[in-house]
Amino acid sequence: MSLIPIKPEDAQRYIAEGAVLIDIREDDEHARERIPGARHAPMSRFGPIDTGDATAVIFHCRTGGRTTAASEKLAQAVKVKAYVLDGGIDAWKRAGLPVIKDTSQPIELQRQVQIAAGSLVLIGIALGSLVAPAFYAISAFVGAGLVFAGVSGFCGMARILAYMPWNRRSHQPATA
């Protein structure tokens, strides 16, 4: 069984009729922006979901990609009809539906990794060109780290950034 795609307007109607909306994004994403009333069940800690007397479950992520990719696992976690919010929270916002934003929360770790890695690569190239070719090793090191992260699923830079002072707030689960 897989998830049935549903448009944001239909999802809002289903929620009003008793469906439960479940946000599968990670803590840092959920803390910064979320749909009011959505339960938070991040994929990294995902397990069976108690739907209570819900008539259906609607899963969402940012764009719908993660929910679609994990549709079998998500559908098996519930005993009621399961949907995926087509286009995720991004489509929900485009439809003009309400979201809760907390801009005091740091940006998502994935974006922080992209900014840090890109900056280090550019610094390595600049220093390698202007100071000494040995500085190209910075770019090579970052590139190797990104390849390793992609192959293994472990990103050392994300682990380090998670412990930075500005990210400590996002580790506390946000409430809907």
Protein backbone atom coordinates (compact mmCIF):
# COMPACT_ATOMS: atom_id res chain seq x y z
CA MET A 1 0.00 0.00 0.00
CA SER A 2 1.33 3.45 -0.84
CA LEU A 3 0.22 6.96 -0.04
CA ILE A 4 -2.42 8.76 -2.08
CA PRO A 5 -1.40 12.29 -3.21
CA ILE A 6 -3.74 15.02 -1.98
CA LYS A 7 -3.86 18.75 -2.76
CA PRO A 8 -3.48 21.24 0.11
CA GLU A 9 -7.08 22.47 -0.11
CA ASP A 10 -8.39 18.90 0.08
CA ALA A 11 -6.01 18.14 2.95
CA GLN A 12 -7.36 21.12 4.88
CA ARG A 13 -10.90 19.81 4.37
CA TYR A 14 -9.93 16.28 5.45
CA ILE A 15 -8.26 17.67 8.56
CA ALA A 16 -11.44 19.56 9.43
CA GLU A 17 -13.30 16.23 9.05
CA GLY A 18 -10.97 14.38 11.46
CA ALA A 19 -7.81 13.50 9.55
CA VAL A 20 -4.44 13.91 11.28
CA LEU A 21 -1.59 15.82 9.61
CA ILE A 22 1.89 14.44 10.36
CA ASP A 23 5.10 16.36 9.64
CA ILE A 24 7.97 13.94 8.92
CA ARG A 25 10.65 16.64 8.62
CA GLU A 26 13.48 16.80 11.14
CA ASP A 27 13.43 18.86 14.34
CA ASP A 28 15.30 21.85 12.91
CA GLU A 29 12.92 22.20 9.95
CA HIS A 30 9.81 21.76 12.09
CA ALA A 31 11.02 24.27 14.68
CA ARG A 32 11.49 27.01 12.08
CA GLU A 33 8.22 26.55 10.17
CA ARG A 34 5.22 24.24 10.56
CA ILE A 35 1.57 23.82 9.75
CA PRO A 36 -0.66 24.58 12.75
CA GLY A 37 -1.96 21.41 14.39
CA ALA A 38 0.45 19.07 12.59
CA ARG A 39 1.95 16.29 14.69
CA HIS A 40 5.70 15.95 14.47
CA ALA A 41 7.16 12.48 13.72
CA PRO A 42 10.60 12.91 12.08
CA MET A 43 11.70 10.18 9.67
CA SER A 44 14.97 9.67 11.59
CA ARG A 45 12.98 8.43 14.60
CA PHE A 46 9.91 7.11 12.80
CA GLY A 47 7.84 4.24 14.16
CA PRO A 48 4.21 3.13 14.52
CA ILE A 49 1.79 6.02 14.92
CA ASP A 50 -1.20 6.07 17.23
CA THR A 51 -3.89 7.73 15.14
CA GLY A 52 -6.54 7.53 17.85
CA ASP A 53 -9.94 8.06 16.29
CA ALA A 54 -8.59 9.80 13.20
CA THR A 55 -10.40 9.08 9.96
CA ALA A 56 -7.19 9.33 7.91
CA VAL A 57 -3.57 10.43 8.09
CA ILE A 58 -1.88 12.98 5.83
CA PHE A 59 1.93 12.97 5.82
CA HIS A 60 3.99 15.94 4.72
CA CYS A 61 7.55 17.13 4.32
CA ARG A 62 8.86 20.28 2.64
CA THR A 63 8.17 19.43 -1.03
CA GLY A 64 6.63 15.95 -0.95
CA GLY A 65 9.80 14.16 -2.04
CA ARG A 66 10.65 12.52 1.28
CA THR A 67 7.09 11.41 1.91
CA THR A 68 6.80 9.96 -1.58
CA ALA A 69 10.16 8.17 -1.25
CA ALA A 70 9.14 6.67 2.11
CA SER A 71 5.50 6.06 1.20
CA GLU A 72 5.56 2.29 1.87
CA LYS A 73 7.10 2.75 5.33
CA LEU A 74 4.71 5.59 6.18
CA ALA A 75 1.62 3.71 4.99
CA GLN A 76 2.58 0.68 7.12
CA ALA A 77 2.89 2.86 10.24
CA VAL A 78 -0.85 3.59 10.36
CA LYS A 79 -4.03 1.55 10.28
CA VAL A 80 -6.20 4.15 8.55
CA LYS A 81 -6.24 5.56 5.02
CA ALA A 82 -2.98 7.42 4.36
CA TYR A 83 -2.29 10.39 2.11
CA VAL A 84 0.73 12.49 1.16
CA LEU A 85 0.39 16.27 0.96
CA ASP A 86 1.24 16.83 -2.71
CA GLY A 87 4.00 19.47 -2.80
CA GLY A 88 4.47 19.43 0.98
CA ILE A 89 4.48 22.52 3.16
CA ASP A 90 5.71 24.54 0.17
CA ALA A 91 2.47 23.80 -1.71
CA TRP A 92 0.47 24.46 1.48
CA LYS A 93 1.99 27.97 1.63
CA ARG A 94 1.47 28.57 -2.11
CA ALA A 95 -2.21 27.74 -1.56
CA GLY A 96 -2.33 30.58 0.98
CA LEU A 97 -2.93 28.26 3.93
CA PRO A 98 -1.58 29.18 7.37
CA VAL A 99 1.85 28.25 8.73
CA ILE A 100 3.61 29.07 11.98
CA LYS A 101 7.04 30.62 11.45
CA ASP A 102 9.69 31.06 14.10
CA THR A 103 12.51 33.00 12.46
CA SER A 104 14.42 33.02 15.75
CA GLN A 105 15.20 29.35 15.01
CA PRO A 106 18.35 28.68 12.97
CA ILE A 107 18.12 27.68 9.32
CA GLU A 108 18.00 23.94 8.58
CA LEU A 109 21.22 21.96 9.14
CA GLN A 110 21.27 20.80 5.53
CA ARG A 111 21.36 24.42 4.34
CA GLN A 112 24.04 25.26 6.91
CA VAL A 113 26.16 22.38 5.58
CA GLN A 114 25.69 23.62 2.01
CA ILE A 115 26.71 27.16 3.00
CA ALA A 116 29.75 25.99 5.00
CA ALA A 117 30.91 23.48 2.37
CA GLY A 118 30.47 25.94 -0.48
CA SER A 119 32.32 28.64 1.45
CA LEU A 120 35.22 26.31 2.28
CA VAL A 121 35.51 25.22 -1.36
CA LEU A 122 35.59 28.85 -2.54
CA ILE A 123 38.14 29.77 0.15
CA GLY A 124 40.31 26.81 -0.88
CA ILE A 125 40.18 27.84 -4.53
CA ALA A 126 40.90 31.50 -3.76
CA LEU A 127 43.80 30.71 -1.44
CA GLY A 128 45.13 28.08 -3.85
CA SER A 129 45.11 30.61 -6.69
CA LEU A 130 46.35 33.63 -4.77
CA VAL A 131 48.63 32.28 -2.00
CA ALA A 132 49.87 28.74 -2.57
CA PRO A 133 48.61 25.70 -4.50
CA ALA A 134 48.64 23.65 -1.26
CA PHE A 135 45.43 25.46 -0.24
CA TYR A 136 43.56 23.55 -2.97
CA ALA A 137 43.65 20.69 -0.44
CA ILE A 138 40.86 22.48 1.49
CA SER A 139 38.53 22.10 -1.50
CA ALA A 140 39.64 18.50 -2.01
CA PHE A 141 39.01 17.69 1.66
CA VAL A 142 35.51 19.20 1.57
CA GLY A 143 34.71 17.38 -1.70
CA ALA A 144 35.86 14.07 -0.23
CA GLY A 145 33.74 14.73 2.86
CA LEU A 146 30.67 15.37 0.72
CA VAL A 147 31.23 12.17 -1.27
CA PHE A 148 31.67 10.22 1.97
CA ALA A 149 28.47 11.77 3.39
CA GLY A 150 26.54 10.82 0.27
CA VAL A 151 27.80 7.24 0.25
CA SER A 152 27.65 6.53 3.97
CA GLY A 153 24.77 8.72 5.15
CA PHE A 154 27.07 10.22 7.83
CA CYS A 155 27.88 13.92 7.56
CA GLY A 156 30.57 15.01 9.99
CA MET A 157 30.03 18.67 9.16
CA ALA A 158 26.33 18.41 10.05
CA ARG A 159 27.25 16.74 13.35
CA ILE A 160 29.66 19.56 14.17
CA LEU A 161 27.20 22.28 13.14
CA ALA A 162 24.45 20.68 15.26
CA TYR A 163 26.53 21.45 18.37
CA MET A 164 27.08 25.10 17.51
CA PRO A 165 25.42 27.49 19.99
CA TRP A 166 22.94 28.87 17.44
CA ASN A 167 21.59 25.36 16.75
CA ARG A 168 20.98 24.24 20.32
CA ARG A 169 17.45 25.67 20.38
CA SER A 170 16.27 23.56 17.43
CA HIS A 171 17.06 20.30 19.23
CA GLN A 172 14.06 20.87 21.49
CA PRO A 173 11.00 19.43 19.77
CA ALA A 174 8.62 22.17 18.68
CA THR A 175 4.95 21.99 19.50
CA ALA A 176 2.21 22.55 17.00
